[in-house]
Each structure stands twice: as C-alpha cells, then as structure tokens.
Amino acid sequence: MKLINPAIADFYNKSNEDTRLQTGLGPLEFERNKILINRYAGPRPLHIADIGGGTGHYASWLTALGHKVTLVDPLPKHIEKAKRKPGSFRCILGEARNLPFENASFDLVILHGPLYHLQLQNERLQAIKEARRIVKPGGTVLGFAITHSASALAALHNGMIHDPSIFGMCSSELLTGEHEAPQGLNGILHSACYHRPNELMDEFKLGGFYINGLHAVEGMAWLDSNFFQSWHDSNKKANLMELISMTEQDQSLLCLSPHIMVAASPAF
C-alpha cells in the first residue's frame, strides 16, 4: 500500500506545511483547534495518537500540557521537521489506514488530514475503523474535515467565483464533495474530499462510533471583511472568538466554517 497519493505528496513537498498555521487563516484555525482538542482531552494526562500530525505543531503543544503523544504522518519531510519540534513525542512514518499500534492503546485519537486526503469513502472508513481499533473503550476520536462549501464561500469572499475554472471547482465540491484544483492554481490541495456535516457524522457511525459532538472550527468569523486587522485588535478578536463559540454547534451554520470537527466514541 502506498503511504500517500503521489499528487498529495507533491503538493506538500512543494509547499511549507510547517508555516501554514502562522499565515492567512492559519492562526485562527490553530487557536480554535487547540480549544476543541483541549476540551475533549481535559487536564488528565492521556496517551494520544496524532494521525496525519504533519510537522508536529499539535503534538508539541499537547506534550507541553503533559500528554504522551505519538505522531504519525506519511511524509518523511514532515516527520523530520516534527522531530525537531520541542517536546519528547514519538514520530512514526505511517498511514491512517494501517496503523502500527495494538488494539485499544490510546485514550484519544486525532485524525487531521486523512478525512479529506482519502477521496474514496471505503478508504476513509478504513481510517476511521483503524482509529476505532486503537482507541480504548470509552476513549474519544476527533476527526477534522473540510466543508463542501469552503471553496465557494472563499471564492465569493475574494471575488474569484466568476473565474470559469474556479466556478467549476466550486460546483463540483458543492454537488459531489469532490475537490479537484484547476490546472495551474497553486497553493491549494490538488484533490480531496470535502464533507457535508451530516456525511461526516454518517461515516463515523458506519465506522462503529456514536457522536459526542460536531463543531465548527473557524465558524463564520473569517467572513469579517477586515478579518486580519480585527485579529490583531484584542477587543475585536474577543468578539470574533465569542461569535464562533456561540455558534460552533449550530448545525444550520456549520457549512459557513471551512473546517469542522467531529468527536466520537466507540459504540460497542
């Protein structure tokens, strides 16, 4: 089994995943993800599997909180950078559908990239079932996904929706959830699966889970027309974070958020 689609590997080898959370909407995504992860991790030290953990930003942060973390990623480039991050977390080159761990060996499992990088549902279900296999009874799996409306909202927001190739990409995502980047459009994923919120929950149910919660990550806050100025103003940033907090589980608004997170536990 190939660890990763060559087109996806090429995208990450040409981009800098290590700085992504420091630019654009990355700081908002990072801060909100930490809030959501910490809510389900709690203060008690846990054994955590960070699957698709990239260059180790979350693993480093979780280790500093006292958790024992094992990061898994399919790209050697990411593993090498993760090893240089602060914290004594373990790094393993591996892939979400075939994890090298014993049954019921983690308190918390985090799935970052697999749910959008694996385009076929049967492959995503393999990853979800692997997460179920390695999580302890009563443990939690957190799955992050990109919403099917993310590109269309971004294109409307920045005025690019009228470009025929962008319009075609957004139409495909809205109608089928299949993301394919137009030729020559750099800086975005080449191909991916973008979820409707109900589809994300359904896949976890099919994988043997019950749902504890479904949360917006960025929520609608990124639609602030002066978002970057607001983010650096403490009062305005507090307003944006409160707006996200009050709407993060409103299912009628979830598709306004570029990313969503499902929290689930083994059903039997």
C-alpha atoms as a PDB file:
ATOM      1  CA  MET A   1       0.000   0.000   0.000  1.00  0.00           C
ATOM      2  CA  LYS A   2       1.352   3.436  -0.957  1.00  0.00           C
ATOM      3  CA  LEU A   3       1.524   5.711   2.049  1.00  0.00           C
ATOM      4  CA  ILE A   4       0.067   8.665   0.163  1.00  0.00           C
ATOM      5  CA  ASN A   5      -1.266   9.686  -3.250  1.00  0.00           C
ATOM      6  CA  PRO A   6       1.725  10.985  -5.279  1.00  0.00           C
ATOM      7  CA  ALA A   7      -0.171  14.181  -6.171  1.00  0.00           C
ATOM      8  CA  ILE A   8      -0.755  14.911  -2.479  1.00  0.00           C
ATOM      9  CA  ALA A   9       2.864  14.164  -1.648  1.00  0.00           C
ATOM     10  CA  ASP A  10       3.934  16.520  -4.440  1.00  0.00           C
ATOM     11  CA  PHE A  11       1.711  19.289  -3.045  1.00  0.00           C
ATOM     12  CA  TYR A  12       3.231  19.021   0.432  1.00  0.00           C
ATOM     13  CA  ASN A  13       6.767  18.663  -0.882  1.00  0.00           C
ATOM     14  CA  LYS A  14       6.342  21.918  -2.823  1.00  0.00           C
ATOM     15  CA  SER A  15       4.582  23.792  -0.002  1.00  0.00           C
ATOM     16  CA  ASN A  16       5.606  24.631   3.542  1.00  0.00           C
ATOM     17  CA  GLU A  17       3.176  22.928   5.891  1.00  0.00           C
ATOM     18  CA  ASP A  18       5.360  23.961   8.817  1.00  0.00           C
ATOM     19  CA  THR A  19       4.387  27.640   8.420  1.00  0.00           C
ATOM     20  CA  ARG A  20       0.774  27.198   7.226  1.00  0.00           C
ATOM     21  CA  LEU A  21      -0.708  27.756  10.679  1.00  0.00           C
ATOM     22  CA  GLN A  22       1.188  31.026  11.004  1.00  0.00           C
ATOM     23  CA  THR A  23      -0.206  32.727   7.886  1.00  0.00           C
ATOM     24  CA  GLY A  24      -3.610  33.643   6.467  1.00  0.00           C
ATOM     25  CA  LEU A  25      -6.413  31.997   8.435  1.00  0.00           C
ATOM     26  CA  GLY A  26      -3.910  29.559   9.970  1.00  0.00           C
ATOM     27  CA  PRO A  27      -3.676  31.311  13.368  1.00  0.00           C
ATOM     28  CA  LEU A  28      -7.478  31.204  13.732  1.00  0.00           C
ATOM     29  CA  GLU A  29      -7.576  27.519  12.758  1.00  0.00           C
ATOM     30  CA  PHE A  30      -4.725  26.669  15.145  1.00  0.00           C
ATOM     31  CA  GLU A  31      -6.197  28.513  18.106  1.00  0.00           C
ATOM     32  CA  ARG A  32      -9.655  27.060  17.615  1.00  0.00           C
ATOM     33  CA  ASN A  33      -8.337  23.524  17.089  1.00  0.00           C
ATOM     34  CA  LYS A  34      -6.417  23.760  20.339  1.00  0.00           C
ATOM     35  CA  ILE A  35      -9.569  24.894  22.154  1.00  0.00           C
ATOM     36  CA  LEU A  36     -11.580  21.980  20.744  1.00  0.00           C
ATOM     37  CA  ILE A  37      -8.899  19.343  21.282  1.00  0.00           C
ATOM     38  CA  ASN A  38      -8.272  20.509  24.838  1.00  0.00           C
ATOM     39  CA  ARG A  39     -11.991  20.385  25.584  1.00  0.00           C
ATOM     40  CA  TYR A  40     -12.046  16.646  24.861  1.00  0.00           C
ATOM     41  CA  ALA A  41      -8.564  15.879  26.184  1.00  0.00           C
ATOM     42  CA  GLY A  42      -9.113  17.527  29.557  1.00  0.00           C
ATOM     43  CA  PRO A  43      -6.459  18.032  32.255  1.00  0.00           C
ATOM     44  CA  ARG A  44      -5.667  14.364  32.973  1.00  0.00           C
ATOM     45  CA  PRO A  45      -2.541  13.150  31.107  1.00  0.00           C
ATOM     46  CA  LEU A  46      -3.600  10.990  28.181  1.00  0.00           C
ATOM     47  CA  HIS A  47      -1.933   8.722  25.634  1.00  0.00           C
ATOM     48  CA  ILE A  48      -2.731  10.474  22.339  1.00  0.00           C
ATOM     49  CA  ALA A  49      -2.281   9.382  18.716  1.00  0.00           C
ATOM     50  CA  ASP A  50      -1.893  12.353  16.359  1.00  0.00           C
ATOM     51  CA  ILE A  51      -2.662  10.786  12.961  1.00  0.00           C
ATOM     52  CA  GLY A  52      -1.718  12.927   9.996  1.00  0.00           C
ATOM     53  CA  GLY A  53       0.040  15.157  12.507  1.00  0.00           C
ATOM     54  CA  GLY A  54       2.172  16.937   9.917  1.00  0.00           C
ATOM     55  CA  THR A  55       5.207  18.743  11.262  1.00  0.00           C
ATOM     56  CA  GLY A  56       4.209  18.389  14.903  1.00  0.00           C
ATOM     57  CA  HIS A  57       2.580  21.669  15.951  1.00  0.00           C
ATOM     58  CA  TYR A  58      -0.226  19.928  17.842  1.00  0.00           C
ATOM     59  CA  ALA A  59       1.964  17.107  19.148  1.00  0.00           C
ATOM     60  CA  SER A  60       4.441  19.624  20.573  1.00  0.00           C
ATOM     61  CA  TRP A  61       1.668  21.624  22.231  1.00  0.00           C
ATOM     62  CA  LEU A  62      -0.025  18.520  23.684  1.00  0.00           C
ATOM     63  CA  THR A  63       3.278  17.205  25.026  1.00  0.00           C
ATOM     64  CA  ALA A  64       3.848  20.537  26.803  1.00  0.00           C
ATOM     65  CA  LEU A  65       0.461  20.028  28.502  1.00  0.00           C
ATOM     66  CA  GLY A  66       1.679  16.719  29.941  1.00  0.00           C
ATOM     67  CA  HIS A  67       0.200  14.248  27.472  1.00  0.00           C
ATOM     68  CA  LYS A  68       2.100  11.318  25.963  1.00  0.00           C
ATOM     69  CA  VAL A  69       1.856  11.777  22.188  1.00  0.00           C
ATOM     70  CA  THR A  70       2.662   9.614  19.187  1.00  0.00           C
ATOM     71  CA  LEU A  71       2.605  11.420  15.833  1.00  0.00           C
ATOM     72  CA  VAL A  72       2.013   9.505  12.586  1.00  0.00           C
ATOM     73  CA  ASP A  73       2.440  11.061   9.137  1.00  0.00           C
ATOM     74  CA  PRO A  74       3.035   9.574   5.655  1.00  0.00           C
ATOM     75  CA  LEU A  75       5.605  12.168   4.529  1.00  0.00           C
ATOM     76  CA  PRO A  76       9.279  11.800   5.521  1.00  0.00           C
ATOM     77  CA  LYS A  77       9.653  15.585   5.167  1.00  0.00           C
ATOM     78  CA  HIS A  78       7.034  16.137   7.868  1.00  0.00           C
ATOM     79  CA  ILE A  79       8.486  13.505  10.172  1.00  0.00           C
ATOM     80  CA  GLU A  80      11.943  15.071  10.011  1.00  0.00           C
ATOM     81  CA  LYS A  81      10.555  18.515  10.850  1.00  0.00           C
ATOM     82  CA  ALA A  82       8.371  17.116  13.633  1.00  0.00           C
ATOM     83  CA  LYS A  83      11.408  15.515  15.252  1.00  0.00           C
ATOM     84  CA  ARG A  84      12.942  18.982  15.604  1.00  0.00           C
ATOM     85  CA  LYS A  85       9.914  20.402  17.444  1.00  0.00           C
ATOM     86  CA  PRO A  86      10.044  20.918  21.230  1.00  0.00           C
ATOM     87  CA  GLY A  87       8.721  18.009  23.278  1.00  0.00           C
ATOM     88  CA  SER A  88       9.522  14.342  23.667  1.00  0.00           C
ATOM     89  CA  PHE A  89       6.746  12.980  21.463  1.00  0.00           C
ATOM     90  CA  ARG A  90       7.290   9.922  19.281  1.00  0.00           C
ATOM     91  CA  CYS A  91       7.269  10.269  15.470  1.00  0.00           C
ATOM     92  CA  ILE A  92       6.369   7.391  13.130  1.00  0.00           C
ATOM     93  CA  LEU A  93       6.225   7.297   9.329  1.00  0.00           C
ATOM     94  CA  GLY A  94       2.881   5.660   8.626  1.00  0.00           C
ATOM     95  CA  GLU A  95      -0.603   5.937   7.188  1.00  0.00           C
ATOM     96  CA  ALA A  96      -4.075   6.160   8.721  1.00  0.00           C
ATOM     97  CA  ARG A  97      -5.485   3.009   7.103  1.00  0.00           C
ATOM     98  CA  ASN A  98      -2.800   0.733   8.518  1.00  0.00           C
ATOM     99  CA  LEU A  99      -1.592   1.905  11.918  1.00  0.00           C
ATOM    100  CA  PRO A 100       1.267   0.054  13.674  1.00  0.00           C
ATOM    101  CA  PHE A 101      -0.376   0.004  17.103  1.00  0.00           C
ATOM    102  CA  GLU A 102      -2.037  -2.573  19.326  1.00  0.00           C
ATOM    103  CA  ASN A 103      -5.769  -2.604  19.891  1.00  0.00           C
ATOM    104  CA  ALA A 104      -7.133  -0.184  22.500  1.00  0.00           C
ATOM    105  CA  SER A 105      -3.803   1.521  23.120  1.00  0.00           C
ATOM    106  CA  PHE A 106      -4.768   5.237  23.093  1.00  0.00           C
ATOM    107  CA  ASP A 107      -7.096   7.402  25.161  1.00  0.00           C
ATOM    108  CA  LEU A 108      -7.541   9.969  22.390  1.00  0.00           C
ATOM    109  CA  VAL A 109      -7.017   9.679  18.625  1.00  0.00           C
ATOM    110  CA  ILE A 110      -6.839  12.757  16.392  1.00  0.00           C
ATOM    111  CA  LEU A 111      -7.413  12.449  12.629  1.00  0.00           C
ATOM    112  CA  HIS A 112      -6.186  15.565  10.856  1.00  0.00           C
ATOM    113  CA  GLY A 113      -5.605  15.052   7.115  1.00  0.00           C
ATOM    114  CA  PRO A 114      -6.918  11.538   6.382  1.00  0.00           C
ATOM    115  CA  LEU A 115     -10.588  12.503   6.177  1.00  0.00           C
ATOM    116  CA  TYR A 116     -10.028  14.874   3.274  1.00  0.00           C
ATOM    117  CA  HIS A 117      -6.950  13.323   1.662  1.00  0.00           C
ATOM    118  CA  LEU A 118      -8.643   9.926   1.266  1.00  0.00           C
ATOM    119  CA  GLN A 119     -11.095  10.588  -1.554  1.00  0.00           C
ATOM    120  CA  LEU A 120     -12.875   7.219  -1.584  1.00  0.00           C
ATOM    121  CA  GLN A 121     -15.358   6.551   1.184  1.00  0.00           C
ATOM    122  CA  ASN A 122     -14.191   2.967   1.688  1.00  0.00           C
ATOM    123  CA  GLU A 123     -10.661   4.282   2.304  1.00  0.00           C
ATOM    124  CA  ARG A 124     -11.904   6.882   4.780  1.00  0.00           C
ATOM    125  CA  LEU A 125     -13.860   4.158   6.550  1.00  0.00           C
ATOM    126  CA  GLN A 126     -10.662   2.109   6.783  1.00  0.00           C
ATOM    127  CA  ALA A 127      -9.004   5.038   8.557  1.00  0.00           C
ATOM    128  CA  ILE A 128     -11.992   5.563  10.846  1.00  0.00           C
ATOM    129  CA  LYS A 129     -12.117   1.856  11.721  1.00  0.00           C
ATOM    130  CA  GLU A 130      -8.376   1.870  12.423  1.00  0.00           C
ATOM    131  CA  ALA A 131      -8.911   4.795  14.785  1.00  0.00           C
ATOM    132  CA  ARG A 132     -11.681   2.813  16.468  1.00  0.00           C
ATOM    133  CA  ARG A 133      -9.399  -0.215  16.763  1.00  0.00           C
ATOM    134  CA  ILE A 134      -6.615   1.656  18.542  1.00  0.00           C
ATOM    135  CA  VAL A 135      -8.756   3.838  20.829  1.00  0.00           C
ATOM    136  CA  LYS A 136      -9.572   2.491  24.284  1.00  0.00           C
ATOM    137  CA  PRO A 137     -13.169   1.679  25.302  1.00  0.00           C
ATOM    138  CA  GLY A 138     -14.648   4.973  26.476  1.00  0.00           C
ATOM    139  CA  GLY A 139     -11.961   6.917  24.602  1.00  0.00           C
ATOM    140  CA  THR A 140     -12.517   9.611  22.006  1.00  0.00           C
ATOM    141  CA  VAL A 141     -11.646  10.120  18.355  1.00  0.00           C
ATOM    142  CA  LEU A 142     -11.541  13.649  16.932  1.00  0.00           C
ATOM    143  CA  GLY A 143     -11.901  13.912  13.153  1.00  0.00           C
ATOM    144  CA  PHE A 144     -11.241  17.101  11.203  1.00  0.00           C
ATOM    145  CA  ALA A 145     -12.823  17.693   7.792  1.00  0.00           C
ATOM    146  CA  ILE A 146     -13.148  20.439   5.175  1.00  0.00           C
ATOM    147  CA  THR A 147     -16.721  21.508   4.427  1.00  0.00           C
ATOM    148  CA  HIS A 148     -18.120  21.162   0.924  1.00  0.00           C
ATOM    149  CA  SER A 149     -18.918  24.895   0.813  1.00  0.00           C
ATOM    150  CA  ALA A 150     -15.455  26.103   1.856  1.00  0.00           C
ATOM    151  CA  SER A 151     -14.090  26.957  -1.596  1.00  0.00           C
ATOM    152  CA  ALA A 152     -17.322  28.547  -2.840  1.00  0.00           C
ATOM    153  CA  LEU A 153     -17.539  30.839   0.186  1.00  0.00           C
ATOM    154  CA  ALA A 154     -13.871  31.793  -0.139  1.00  0.00           C
ATOM    155  CA  ALA A 155     -14.277  32.460  -3.869  1.00  0.00           C
ATOM    156  CA  LEU A 156     -17.342  34.632  -3.242  1.00  0.00           C
ATOM    157  CA  HIS A 157     -15.497  36.463  -0.474  1.00  0.00           C
ATOM    158  CA  ASN A 158     -12.442  37.267  -2.599  1.00  0.00           C
ATOM    159  CA  GLY A 159     -14.233  37.847  -5.907  1.00  0.00           C
ATOM    160  CA  MET A 160     -12.795  34.805  -7.719  1.00  0.00           C
ATOM    161  CA  ILE A 161     -16.082  32.924  -8.150  1.00  0.00           C
ATOM    162  CA  HIS A 162     -16.534  34.290 -11.722  1.00  0.00           C
ATOM    163  CA  ASP A 163     -13.336  32.672 -12.978  1.00  0.00           C
ATOM    164  CA  PRO A 164     -14.709  29.710 -15.009  1.00  0.00           C
ATOM    165  CA  SER A 165     -12.172  27.227 -13.635  1.00  0.00           C
ATOM    166  CA  ILE A 166     -12.816  28.321 -10.031  1.00  0.00           C
ATOM    167  CA  PHE A 167     -16.572  28.185 -10.593  1.00  0.00           C
ATOM    168  CA  GLY A 168     -16.232  24.647 -11.958  1.00  0.00           C
ATOM    169  CA  MET A 169     -14.153  23.534  -8.972  1.00  0.00           C
ATOM    170  CA  CYS A 170     -16.649  25.012  -6.512  1.00  0.00           C
ATOM    171  CA  SER A 171     -19.611  23.488  -8.359  1.00  0.00           C
ATOM    172  CA  SER A 172     -18.078  20.016  -8.121  1.00  0.00           C
ATOM    173  CA  GLU A 173     -17.454  20.404  -4.405  1.00  0.00           C
ATOM    174  CA  LEU A 174     -20.970  21.662  -3.718  1.00  0.00           C
ATOM    175  CA  LEU A 175     -22.666  18.945  -5.756  1.00  0.00           C
ATOM    176  CA  THR A 176     -20.456  15.917  -5.072  1.00  0.00           C
ATOM    177  CA  GLY A 177     -17.901  16.820  -2.388  1.00  0.00           C
ATOM    178  CA  GLU A 178     -15.108  16.050  -4.875  1.00  0.00           C
ATOM    179  CA  HIS A 179     -12.366  18.679  -4.942  1.00  0.00           C
ATOM    180  CA  GLU A 180     -10.047  18.920  -7.952  1.00  0.00           C
ATOM    181  CA  ALA A 181      -7.890  22.032  -8.265  1.00  0.00           C
ATOM    182  CA  PRO A 182      -7.778  23.694 -11.694  1.00  0.00           C
ATOM    183  CA  GLN A 183      -4.563  23.318 -13.656  1.00  0.00           C
ATOM    184  CA  GLY A 184      -2.055  25.988 -12.695  1.00  0.00           C
ATOM    185  CA  LEU A 185      -3.794  27.036  -9.480  1.00  0.00           C
ATOM    186  CA  ASN A 186      -1.054  26.833  -6.888  1.00  0.00           C
ATOM    187  CA  GLY A 187      -1.242  26.810  -3.112  1.00  0.00           C
ATOM    188  CA  ILE A 188      -4.309  24.612  -2.665  1.00  0.00           C
ATOM    189  CA  LEU A 189      -4.776  20.863  -2.439  1.00  0.00           C
ATOM    190  CA  HIS A 190      -4.689  19.084  -5.795  1.00  0.00           C
ATOM    191  CA  SER A 191      -7.512  16.692  -4.913  1.00  0.00           C
ATOM    192  CA  ALA A 192      -9.537  15.980  -1.791  1.00  0.00           C
ATOM    193  CA  CYS A 193     -12.891  15.036  -0.284  1.00  0.00           C
ATOM    194  CA  TYR A 194     -14.940  17.903   1.141  1.00  0.00           C
ATOM    195  CA  HIS A 195     -17.694  16.844   3.549  1.00  0.00           C
ATOM    196  CA  ARG A 196     -21.215  17.871   4.341  1.00  0.00           C
ATOM    197  CA  PRO A 197     -21.598  17.822   8.147  1.00  0.00           C
ATOM    198  CA  ASN A 198     -24.169  15.011   8.085  1.00  0.00           C
ATOM    199  CA  GLU A 199     -21.918  12.933   5.811  1.00  0.00           C
ATOM    200  CA  LEU A 200     -19.045  13.248   8.269  1.00  0.00           C
ATOM    201  CA  MET A 201     -21.242  12.019  11.122  1.00  0.00           C
ATOM    202  CA  ASP A 202     -22.643   9.199   8.978  1.00  0.00           C
ATOM    203  CA  GLU A 203     -19.150   7.926   8.153  1.00  0.00           C
ATOM    204  CA  PHE A 204     -18.226   7.767  11.825  1.00  0.00           C
ATOM    205  CA  LYS A 205     -21.455   5.934  12.607  1.00  0.00           C
ATOM    206  CA  LEU A 206     -20.664   3.447   9.837  1.00  0.00           C
ATOM    207  CA  GLY A 207     -17.225   3.054  11.399  1.00  0.00           C
ATOM    208  CA  GLY A 208     -18.726   1.933  14.713  1.00  0.00           C
ATOM    209  CA  PHE A 209     -18.963   5.206  16.650  1.00  0.00           C
ATOM    210  CA  TYR A 210     -21.585   7.289  18.343  1.00  0.00           C
ATOM    211  CA  ILE A 211     -21.310  11.061  18.030  1.00  0.00           C
ATOM    212  CA  ASN A 212     -20.398  13.177  21.045  1.00  0.00           C
ATOM    213  CA  GLY A 213     -20.311  16.499  19.218  1.00  0.00           C
ATOM    214  CA  LEU A 214     -19.912  18.261  15.890  1.00  0.00           C
ATOM    215  CA  HIS A 215     -18.159  21.631  15.970  1.00  0.00           C
ATOM    216  CA  ALA A 216     -17.232  24.453  13.627  1.00  0.00           C
ATOM    217  CA  VAL A 217     -13.530  25.284  13.736  1.00  0.00           C
ATOM    218  CA  GLU A 218     -13.278  28.784  12.228  1.00  0.00           C
ATOM    219  CA  GLY A 219     -17.040  29.272  12.220  1.00  0.00           C
ATOM    220  CA  MET A 220     -18.270  32.380  10.424  1.00  0.00           C
ATOM    221  CA  ALA A 221     -15.642  34.702  11.956  1.00  0.00           C
ATOM    222  CA  TRP A 222     -13.347  34.567   8.908  1.00  0.00           C
ATOM    223  CA  LEU A 223     -16.080  36.336   6.888  1.00  0.00           C
ATOM    224  CA  ASP A 224     -15.273  39.600   8.708  1.00  0.00           C
ATOM    225  CA  SER A 225     -14.322  41.872   5.777  1.00  0.00           C
ATOM    226  CA  ASN A 226     -11.468  43.252   7.890  1.00  0.00           C
ATOM    227  CA  PHE A 227     -10.558  39.922   9.489  1.00  0.00           C
ATOM    228  CA  PHE A 228      -6.781  40.345   9.577  1.00  0.00           C
ATOM    229  CA  GLN A 229      -6.988  43.781  11.170  1.00  0.00           C
ATOM    230  CA  SER A 230      -9.625  42.528  13.626  1.00  0.00           C
ATOM    231  CA  TRP A 231      -7.499  39.516  14.597  1.00  0.00           C
ATOM    232  CA  HIS A 232      -4.760  41.850  15.835  1.00  0.00           C
ATOM    233  CA  ASP A 233      -7.172  44.010  17.856  1.00  0.00           C
ATOM    234  CA  SER A 234      -7.772  42.342  21.240  1.00  0.00           C
ATOM    235  CA  ASN A 235     -11.365  43.544  21.622  1.00  0.00           C
ATOM    236  CA  LYS A 236     -12.371  42.647  18.068  1.00  0.00           C
ATOM    237  CA  LYS A 237     -10.613  39.280  18.297  1.00  0.00           C
ATOM    238  CA  ALA A 238     -12.548  38.544  21.511  1.00  0.00           C
ATOM    239  CA  ASN A 239     -15.804  39.355  19.689  1.00  0.00           C
ATOM    240  CA  LEU A 240     -14.901  37.003  16.846  1.00  0.00           C
ATOM    241  CA  MET A 241     -13.984  34.168  19.217  1.00  0.00           C
ATOM    242  CA  GLU A 242     -17.238  34.658  21.144  1.00  0.00           C
ATOM    243  CA  LEU A 243     -19.182  34.576  17.868  1.00  0.00           C
ATOM    244  CA  ILE A 244     -17.578  31.252  16.989  1.00  0.00           C
ATOM    245  CA  SER A 245     -18.169  29.842  20.451  1.00  0.00           C
ATOM    246  CA  MET A 246     -21.879  30.681  20.486  1.00  0.00           C
ATOM    247  CA  THR A 247     -22.488  29.158  17.036  1.00  0.00           C
ATOM    248  CA  GLU A 248     -19.988  26.292  16.867  1.00  0.00           C
ATOM    249  CA  GLN A 249     -22.601  23.551  17.326  1.00  0.00           C
ATOM    250  CA  ASP A 250     -25.409  25.230  15.368  1.00  0.00           C
ATOM    251  CA  GLN A 251     -25.812  22.693  12.566  1.00  0.00           C
ATOM    252  CA  SER A 252     -27.612  25.208  10.374  1.00  0.00           C
ATOM    253  CA  LEU A 253     -24.417  27.333  10.337  1.00  0.00           C
ATOM    254  CA  LEU A 254     -21.714  24.657  10.201  1.00  0.00           C
ATOM    255  CA  CYS A 255     -21.182  25.000   6.447  1.00  0.00           C
ATOM    256  CA  LEU A 256     -20.042  28.602   6.943  1.00  0.00           C
ATOM    257  CA  SER A 257     -16.905  27.178   8.547  1.00  0.00           C
ATOM    258  CA  PRO A 258     -14.049  25.989   6.295  1.00  0.00           C
ATOM    259  CA  HIS A 259     -13.235  23.181   8.772  1.00  0.00           C
ATOM    260  CA  ILE A 260     -15.409  21.161  11.140  1.00  0.00           C
ATOM    261  CA  MET A 261     -14.534  18.636  13.829  1.00  0.00           C
ATOM    262  CA  VAL A 262     -16.476  15.570  14.908  1.00  0.00           C
ATOM    263  CA  ALA A 263     -15.940  13.993  18.330  1.00  0.00           C
ATOM    264  CA  ALA A 264     -16.930  10.341  18.589  1.00  0.00           C
ATOM    265  CA  SER A 265     -16.582   7.310  20.875  1.00  0.00           C
ATOM    266  CA  PRO A 266     -16.784   3.561  20.125  1.00  0.00           C
ATOM    267  CA  ALA A 267     -20.408   2.457  20.053  1.00  0.00           C
ATOM    268  CA  PHE A 268     -19.779  -1.131  21.198  1.00  0.00           C
END
